[in-house]
Each structure stands twice: as structure tokens, then as C-alpha cells.
């Protein structure tokens, strides 16, 4: 038999995860069965088990994919997330990416996605593997923002009285709060929310 390419395997894995995400968002983790995911994806349950040991494996993979997307949007893998470059440019770049991340929650299909995200947060309280990946998705950007705040304080651009880690956690909470409100309120004014956050960020540097 011809060897299946890595690209084909990655594409099939992504199809399974997309189908699982739709099922989880629609029915919840615990009510969704592997048979449901098989029907949604068009693949057999046996094939799905070749890629994932169980539903928790899928939840972890979905969360990891989201966190990678968020890191790219926040420029955490580029110069903005690297204080070895020009720290003066890093804070505005990450701040701009953060505002774009908040705006992205108003995009088409995002409400269903964040509804699933809220379920993942709840699942993290029960399942250690999900908890670990959920924490990594918070701790990584929090650490970068903490370092950026400290660097800005050292340059005299930000009041040294601000607790750096505390301020970073506030920004994490602002995102989580918007995600939660997006999940349950279809009438949420995303533009107004983001405008308020932008003014708060601007006020910090005064």
C-alpha cells in the first residue's frame, strides 16, 4: 500500500478535531459520544481512535490549537514577545495584538467557539490534562505581559507602583470576561467593550 503523507495525516486529524468541536459546542463534552463525532466527520470510530485515545485528547488538542492562534495574534513568537530586541516597541505591538484579539471575538462563528471555550474552562476543573493546557494558555501570555510591564516601568513609561504580574492578570481577566459575555450575550457591544479597554491601556502610560 502507498505510504500516507504527513500532510494527509494532519489534514485528517484537523477534520476530526473540527467535527469534535462542532459536536462539543452543540451538545457538550459529556453528552457527545465518539459515534457522534464519527457521524459528524464522516470517519469511522475506529479511525478516530487511531488519532485520539479519548475525548479528553481531542479537548486538549483543540485548546492547544486555539492557544497557538492567540499567540500568533499577540505576536508572542516574534519580536514583540522577545525583550532581547527593542523593548520600547514590544509593549505597543503586544497591546495592539491584544486589542485585535478582543475584536476577533465579534467575528462570524466566534460565539459558538467561545461557548466551547467556556466548556473547556469548566472541564479544566475536572481533568488534569485539560487543566494543564488551559493554564499554559494563560500563563504564557501572562509571563510575557509581566516582563513587558516591568521593562516599561524600568524605562519610566509606566508607574512603578503597578504590580506587574497583577496587571498582567487583569488583562487576562478582561479577555476571559469578554469571552464569557460573548458566549451568553448575543447583543454584546464588542466595539464599545474594546474601545473602553483601549482607553484603559492609554491611561496606564500617562
C-alpha atoms as a PDB file:
ATOM      1  CA  UNK A   1       0.000   0.000   0.000  1.00  0.00           C
ATOM      2  CA  UNK A   2       1.264   3.533  -0.731  1.00  0.00           C
ATOM      3  CA  UNK A   3       2.515   5.439   2.297  1.00  0.00           C
ATOM      4  CA  UNK A   4       0.141   8.134   3.559  1.00  0.00           C
ATOM      5  CA  UNK A   5       1.805  11.558   3.637  1.00  0.00           C
ATOM      6  CA  UNK A   6       2.225  13.576   6.821  1.00  0.00           C
ATOM      7  CA  UNK A   7       0.193  16.349   5.214  1.00  0.00           C
ATOM      8  CA  UNK A   8      -2.697  13.934   4.672  1.00  0.00           C
ATOM      9  CA  UNK A   9      -2.500  12.743   8.285  1.00  0.00           C
ATOM     10  CA  UNK A  10      -2.500  16.328   9.587  1.00  0.00           C
ATOM     11  CA  UNK A  11      -5.474  17.216   7.397  1.00  0.00           C
ATOM     12  CA  UNK A  12      -7.455  14.200   8.587  1.00  0.00           C
ATOM     13  CA  UNK A  13      -6.611  14.984  12.206  1.00  0.00           C
ATOM     14  CA  UNK A  14      -7.806  18.564  11.700  1.00  0.00           C
ATOM     15  CA  UNK A  15     -11.065  17.299  10.172  1.00  0.00           C
ATOM     16  CA  UNK A  16     -11.695  15.106  13.202  1.00  0.00           C
ATOM     17  CA  UNK A  17     -10.984  18.000  15.581  1.00  0.00           C
ATOM     18  CA  UNK A  18     -13.279  20.343  13.645  1.00  0.00           C
ATOM     19  CA  UNK A  19     -16.069  17.767  13.817  1.00  0.00           C
ATOM     20  CA  UNK A  20     -15.441  17.182  17.527  1.00  0.00           C
ATOM     21  CA  UNK A  21     -15.520  20.928  18.221  1.00  0.00           C
ATOM     22  CA  UNK A  22     -18.891  21.257  16.479  1.00  0.00           C
ATOM     23  CA  UNK A  23     -20.299  18.329  18.445  1.00  0.00           C
ATOM     24  CA  UNK A  24     -18.923  19.588  21.762  1.00  0.00           C
ATOM     25  CA  UNK A  25     -20.297  23.087  21.161  1.00  0.00           C
ATOM     26  CA  UNK A  26     -23.693  21.689  20.215  1.00  0.00           C
ATOM     27  CA  UNK A  27     -24.176  19.015  22.883  1.00  0.00           C
ATOM     28  CA  UNK A  28     -21.392  19.444  25.454  1.00  0.00           C
ATOM     29  CA  UNK A  29     -18.433  17.164  26.156  1.00  0.00           C
ATOM     30  CA  UNK A  30     -20.170  14.600  28.282  1.00  0.00           C
ATOM     31  CA  UNK A  31     -23.228  14.137  26.068  1.00  0.00           C
ATOM     32  CA  UNK A  32     -21.128  13.831  22.913  1.00  0.00           C
ATOM     33  CA  UNK A  33     -20.037  10.304  22.003  1.00  0.00           C
ATOM     34  CA  UNK A  34     -17.295   9.082  19.699  1.00  0.00           C
ATOM     35  CA  UNK A  35     -20.104   7.815  17.463  1.00  0.00           C
ATOM     36  CA  UNK A  36     -21.464  11.378  17.261  1.00  0.00           C
ATOM     37  CA  UNK A  37     -18.041  12.635  16.180  1.00  0.00           C
ATOM     38  CA  UNK A  38     -17.751   9.802  13.663  1.00  0.00           C
ATOM     39  CA  UNK A  39     -21.100  10.741  12.134  1.00  0.00           C
ATOM     40  CA  UNK A  40     -20.173  14.438  12.057  1.00  0.00           C
ATOM     41  CA  UNK A  41     -16.760  13.829  10.479  1.00  0.00           C
ATOM     42  CA  UNK A  42     -17.731  11.017   8.115  1.00  0.00           C
ATOM     43  CA  UNK A  43     -14.959   8.813   9.527  1.00  0.00           C
ATOM     44  CA  UNK A  44     -15.348   5.551  11.400  1.00  0.00           C
ATOM     45  CA  UNK A  45     -14.958   5.389  15.175  1.00  0.00           C
ATOM     46  CA  UNK A  46     -12.046   3.003  14.659  1.00  0.00           C
ATOM     47  CA  UNK A  47     -10.191   5.515  12.513  1.00  0.00           C
ATOM     48  CA  UNK A  48     -10.818   8.281  15.055  1.00  0.00           C
ATOM     49  CA  UNK A  49      -9.269   6.121  17.790  1.00  0.00           C
ATOM     50  CA  UNK A  50      -6.129   5.840  15.666  1.00  0.00           C
ATOM     51  CA  UNK A  51      -5.660   9.593  16.132  1.00  0.00           C
ATOM     52  CA  UNK A  52      -7.064  10.193  19.620  1.00  0.00           C
ATOM     53  CA  UNK A  53      -7.258   7.912  22.650  1.00  0.00           C
ATOM     54  CA  UNK A  54     -10.394   9.574  24.014  1.00  0.00           C
ATOM     55  CA  UNK A  55     -12.457  12.767  24.030  1.00  0.00           C
ATOM     56  CA  UNK A  56     -10.113  14.453  26.511  1.00  0.00           C
ATOM     57  CA  UNK A  57      -7.289  14.039  23.981  1.00  0.00           C
ATOM     58  CA  UNK A  58      -9.438  15.949  21.498  1.00  0.00           C
ATOM     59  CA  UNK A  59     -10.231  18.698  24.001  1.00  0.00           C
ATOM     60  CA  UNK A  60      -6.523  19.142  24.742  1.00  0.00           C
ATOM     61  CA  UNK A  61      -5.685  19.299  21.021  1.00  0.00           C
ATOM     62  CA  UNK A  62      -8.454  21.848  20.368  1.00  0.00           C
ATOM     63  CA  UNK A  63      -7.248  24.050  23.235  1.00  0.00           C
ATOM     64  CA  UNK A  64      -3.615  23.827  22.110  1.00  0.00           C
ATOM     65  CA  UNK A  65      -4.608  24.895  18.606  1.00  0.00           C
ATOM     66  CA  UNK A  66      -6.501  27.901  19.934  1.00  0.00           C
ATOM     67  CA  UNK A  67      -3.618  28.941  22.157  1.00  0.00           C
ATOM     68  CA  UNK A  68      -1.206  28.797  19.216  1.00  0.00           C
ATOM     69  CA  UNK A  69      -3.548  31.025  17.194  1.00  0.00           C
ATOM     70  CA  UNK A  70      -3.798  33.503  20.063  1.00  0.00           C
ATOM     71  CA  UNK A  71      -0.012  33.568  20.485  1.00  0.00           C
ATOM     72  CA  UNK A  72       0.392  34.442  16.804  1.00  0.00           C
ATOM     73  CA  UNK A  73      -2.241  37.174  17.066  1.00  0.00           C
ATOM     74  CA  UNK A  74      -0.450  38.611  20.105  1.00  0.00           C
ATOM     75  CA  UNK A  75       2.929  38.320  18.323  1.00  0.00           C
ATOM     76  CA  UNK A  76       4.314  36.284  21.237  1.00  0.00           C
ATOM     77  CA  UNK A  77       6.550  34.254  18.913  1.00  0.00           C
ATOM     78  CA  UNK A  78       8.007  37.277  17.155  1.00  0.00           C
ATOM     79  CA  UNK A  79       9.974  40.368  18.172  1.00  0.00           C
ATOM     80  CA  UNK A  80       7.055  41.726  20.213  1.00  0.00           C
ATOM     81  CA  UNK A  81       7.280  38.824  22.622  1.00  0.00           C
ATOM     82  CA  UNK A  82      11.058  38.967  22.817  1.00  0.00           C
ATOM     83  CA  UNK A  83      12.572  41.577  25.115  1.00  0.00           C
ATOM     84  CA  UNK A  84      16.014  40.859  23.681  1.00  0.00           C
ATOM     85  CA  UNK A  85      15.021  43.067  20.748  1.00  0.00           C
ATOM     86  CA  UNK A  86      13.705  46.591  21.261  1.00  0.00           C
ATOM     87  CA  UNK A  87      11.618  46.587  24.464  1.00  0.00           C
ATOM     88  CA  UNK A  88      10.178  50.004  23.617  1.00  0.00           C
ATOM     89  CA  UNK A  89       8.457  48.501  20.566  1.00  0.00           C
ATOM     90  CA  UNK A  90       7.325  45.328  22.303  1.00  0.00           C
ATOM     91  CA  UNK A  91       4.616  46.755  24.563  1.00  0.00           C
ATOM     92  CA  UNK A  92       2.701  48.661  21.844  1.00  0.00           C
ATOM     93  CA  UNK A  93       2.911  45.671  19.490  1.00  0.00           C
ATOM     94  CA  UNK A  94       1.520  43.258  22.072  1.00  0.00           C
ATOM     95  CA  UNK A  95      -1.099  45.825  23.145  1.00  0.00           C
ATOM     96  CA  UNK A  96      -2.215  46.190  19.529  1.00  0.00           C
ATOM     97  CA  UNK A  97      -2.397  42.427  19.132  1.00  0.00           C
ATOM     98  CA  UNK A  98      -4.379  42.191  22.365  1.00  0.00           C
ATOM     99  CA  UNK A  99      -6.980  44.671  21.125  1.00  0.00           C
ATOM    100  CA  UNK A 100      -7.249  42.756  17.843  1.00  0.00           C
ATOM    101  CA  UNK A 101      -7.743  39.555  19.842  1.00  0.00           C
ATOM    102  CA  UNK A 102     -10.631  41.191  21.710  1.00  0.00           C
ATOM    103  CA  UNK A 103     -12.144  42.450  18.446  1.00  0.00           C
ATOM    104  CA  UNK A 104     -11.865  38.996  16.899  1.00  0.00           C
ATOM    105  CA  UNK A 105     -14.464  37.671  19.351  1.00  0.00           C
ATOM    106  CA  UNK A 106     -17.103  39.555  17.354  1.00  0.00           C
ATOM    107  CA  UNK A 107     -16.253  37.582  14.211  1.00  0.00           C
ATOM    108  CA  UNK A 108     -18.567  35.203  12.399  1.00  0.00           C
ATOM    109  CA  UNK A 109     -18.835  31.903  14.245  1.00  0.00           C
ATOM    110  CA  UNK A 110     -16.873  33.166  17.242  1.00  0.00           C
ATOM    111  CA  UNK A 111     -19.803  32.931  19.656  1.00  0.00           C
ATOM    112  CA  UNK A 112     -20.025  29.165  19.161  1.00  0.00           C
ATOM    113  CA  UNK A 113     -16.258  28.878  19.536  1.00  0.00           C
ATOM    114  CA  UNK A 114     -16.150  30.794  22.819  1.00  0.00           C
ATOM    115  CA  UNK A 115     -19.100  28.783  24.119  1.00  0.00           C
ATOM    116  CA  UNK A 116     -16.892  25.745  23.612  1.00  0.00           C
ATOM    117  CA  UNK A 117     -14.010  27.617  25.240  1.00  0.00           C
ATOM    118  CA  UNK A 118     -16.093  28.207  28.368  1.00  0.00           C
ATOM    119  CA  UNK A 119     -16.813  24.475  28.470  1.00  0.00           C
ATOM    120  CA  UNK A 120     -13.072  23.815  28.266  1.00  0.00           C
ATOM    121  CA  UNK A 121     -12.510  26.085  31.278  1.00  0.00           C
ATOM    122  CA  UNK A 122     -15.106  24.090  33.196  1.00  0.00           C
ATOM    123  CA  UNK A 123     -13.569  20.787  32.080  1.00  0.00           C
ATOM    124  CA  UNK A 124     -10.184  22.033  33.327  1.00  0.00           C
ATOM    125  CA  UNK A 125     -11.564  21.844  36.878  1.00  0.00           C
ATOM    126  CA  UNK A 126     -12.123  18.099  36.453  1.00  0.00           C
ATOM    127  CA  UNK A 127      -9.481  16.743  34.093  1.00  0.00           C
ATOM    128  CA  UNK A 128      -5.766  17.304  34.897  1.00  0.00           C
ATOM    129  CA  UNK A 129      -4.654  17.161  31.244  1.00  0.00           C
ATOM    130  CA  UNK A 130      -7.162  19.825  30.251  1.00  0.00           C
ATOM    131  CA  UNK A 131      -6.223  21.881  33.312  1.00  0.00           C
ATOM    132  CA  UNK A 132      -2.553  21.794  32.310  1.00  0.00           C
ATOM    133  CA  UNK A 133      -3.152  23.024  28.767  1.00  0.00           C
ATOM    134  CA  UNK A 134      -5.665  25.656  29.930  1.00  0.00           C
ATOM    135  CA  UNK A 135      -3.133  27.003  32.422  1.00  0.00           C
ATOM    136  CA  UNK A 136      -0.384  27.044  29.794  1.00  0.00           C
ATOM    137  CA  UNK A 137      -2.647  29.102  27.551  1.00  0.00           C
ATOM    138  CA  UNK A 138      -2.976  31.688  30.328  1.00  0.00           C
ATOM    139  CA  UNK A 139       0.488  31.546  31.869  1.00  0.00           C
ATOM    140  CA  UNK A 140       2.419  32.026  28.633  1.00  0.00           C
ATOM    141  CA  UNK A 141       0.929  35.406  27.615  1.00  0.00           C
ATOM    142  CA  UNK A 142       0.750  36.477  31.273  1.00  0.00           C
ATOM    143  CA  UNK A 143       4.501  35.947  31.662  1.00  0.00           C
ATOM    144  CA  UNK A 144       5.228  37.966  28.510  1.00  0.00           C
ATOM    145  CA  UNK A 145       2.998  40.853  29.610  1.00  0.00           C
ATOM    146  CA  UNK A 146       4.533  40.788  33.097  1.00  0.00           C
ATOM    147  CA  UNK A 147       8.008  41.182  31.574  1.00  0.00           C
ATOM    148  CA  UNK A 148       6.793  43.963  29.267  1.00  0.00           C
ATOM    149  CA  UNK A 149       5.243  45.861  32.181  1.00  0.00           C
ATOM    150  CA  UNK A 150       8.462  45.593  34.196  1.00  0.00           C
ATOM    151  CA  UNK A 151      10.518  46.777  31.226  1.00  0.00           C
ATOM    152  CA  UNK A 152       8.195  49.766  30.733  1.00  0.00           C
ATOM    153  CA  UNK A 153       8.490  50.587  34.439  1.00  0.00           C
ATOM    154  CA  UNK A 154      12.285  50.468  34.242  1.00  0.00           C
ATOM    155  CA  UNK A 155      12.168  52.939  31.338  1.00  0.00           C
ATOM    156  CA  UNK A 156       9.921  55.239  33.361  1.00  0.00           C
ATOM    157  CA  UNK A 157       6.995  54.817  30.945  1.00  0.00           C
ATOM    158  CA  UNK A 158       4.719  53.150  33.475  1.00  0.00           C
ATOM    159  CA  UNK A 159       4.135  53.886  37.149  1.00  0.00           C
ATOM    160  CA  UNK A 160       6.356  51.580  39.197  1.00  0.00           C
ATOM    161  CA  UNK A 161       3.543  51.212  41.757  1.00  0.00           C
ATOM    162  CA  UNK A 162       1.665  48.851  39.426  1.00  0.00           C
ATOM    163  CA  UNK A 163       2.248  45.194  40.437  1.00  0.00           C
ATOM    164  CA  UNK A 164       3.499  43.752  37.139  1.00  0.00           C
ATOM    165  CA  UNK A 165       2.025  40.266  37.492  1.00  0.00           C
ATOM    166  CA  UNK A 166      -1.186  41.678  38.941  1.00  0.00           C
ATOM    167  CA  UNK A 167      -1.627  43.980  35.945  1.00  0.00           C
ATOM    168  CA  UNK A 168      -0.938  41.104  33.548  1.00  0.00           C
ATOM    169  CA  UNK A 169      -3.617  39.038  35.286  1.00  0.00           C
ATOM    170  CA  UNK A 170      -6.076  41.919  34.924  1.00  0.00           C
ATOM    171  CA  UNK A 171      -5.581  41.835  31.143  1.00  0.00           C
ATOM    172  CA  UNK A 172      -6.090  38.068  31.135  1.00  0.00           C
ATOM    173  CA  UNK A 173      -9.307  38.582  33.117  1.00  0.00           C
ATOM    174  CA  UNK A 174     -10.529  41.252  30.683  1.00  0.00           C
ATOM    175  CA  UNK A 175     -10.182  38.778  27.807  1.00  0.00           C
ATOM    176  CA  UNK A 176     -11.810  35.963  29.778  1.00  0.00           C
ATOM    177  CA  UNK A 177     -14.643  38.262  30.817  1.00  0.00           C
ATOM    178  CA  UNK A 178     -15.306  39.306  27.232  1.00  0.00           C
ATOM    179  CA  UNK A 179     -15.233  35.673  26.099  1.00  0.00           C
ATOM    180  CA  UNK A 180     -17.738  34.688  28.792  1.00  0.00           C
ATOM    181  CA  UNK A 181     -20.071  37.586  27.989  1.00  0.00           C
ATOM    182  CA  UNK A 182     -19.782  36.819  24.264  1.00  0.00           C
ATOM    183  CA  UNK A 183     -20.776  33.215  24.996  1.00  0.00           C
ATOM    184  CA  UNK A 184     -24.025  34.108  26.729  1.00  0.00           C
ATOM    185  CA  UNK A 185     -24.992  37.532  25.342  1.00  0.00           C
ATOM    186  CA  UNK A 186     -25.650  37.780  21.583  1.00  0.00           C
ATOM    187  CA  UNK A 187     -26.351  41.520  21.998  1.00  0.00           C
ATOM    188  CA  UNK A 188     -22.930  42.322  23.467  1.00  0.00           C
ATOM    189  CA  UNK A 189     -21.400  45.549  22.117  1.00  0.00           C
ATOM    190  CA  UNK A 190     -17.905  44.291  21.295  1.00  0.00           C
ATOM    191  CA  UNK A 191     -16.808  47.612  19.782  1.00  0.00           C
ATOM    192  CA  UNK A 192     -17.788  49.504  22.929  1.00  0.00           C
ATOM    193  CA  UNK A 193     -16.020  46.975  25.146  1.00  0.00           C
ATOM    194  CA  UNK A 194     -12.806  47.156  23.118  1.00  0.00           C
ATOM    195  CA  UNK A 195     -12.935  50.965  22.995  1.00  0.00           C
ATOM    196  CA  UNK A 196     -13.138  51.057  26.792  1.00  0.00           C
ATOM    197  CA  UNK A 197     -10.169  48.687  27.102  1.00  0.00           C
ATOM    198  CA  UNK A 198      -8.155  50.774  24.634  1.00  0.00           C
ATOM    199  CA  UNK A 199      -8.757  53.881  26.748  1.00  0.00           C
ATOM    200  CA  UNK A 200      -7.683  51.992  29.867  1.00  0.00           C
ATOM    201  CA  UNK A 201      -4.432  50.932  28.188  1.00  0.00           C
ATOM    202  CA  UNK A 202      -3.816  54.506  27.057  1.00  0.00           C
ATOM    203  CA  UNK A 203      -4.426  55.819  30.574  1.00  0.00           C
ATOM    204  CA  UNK A 204      -1.829  53.461  32.042  1.00  0.00           C
ATOM    205  CA  UNK A 205       1.025  55.138  30.202  1.00  0.00           C
ATOM    206  CA  UNK A 206       0.125  58.665  31.274  1.00  0.00           C
END
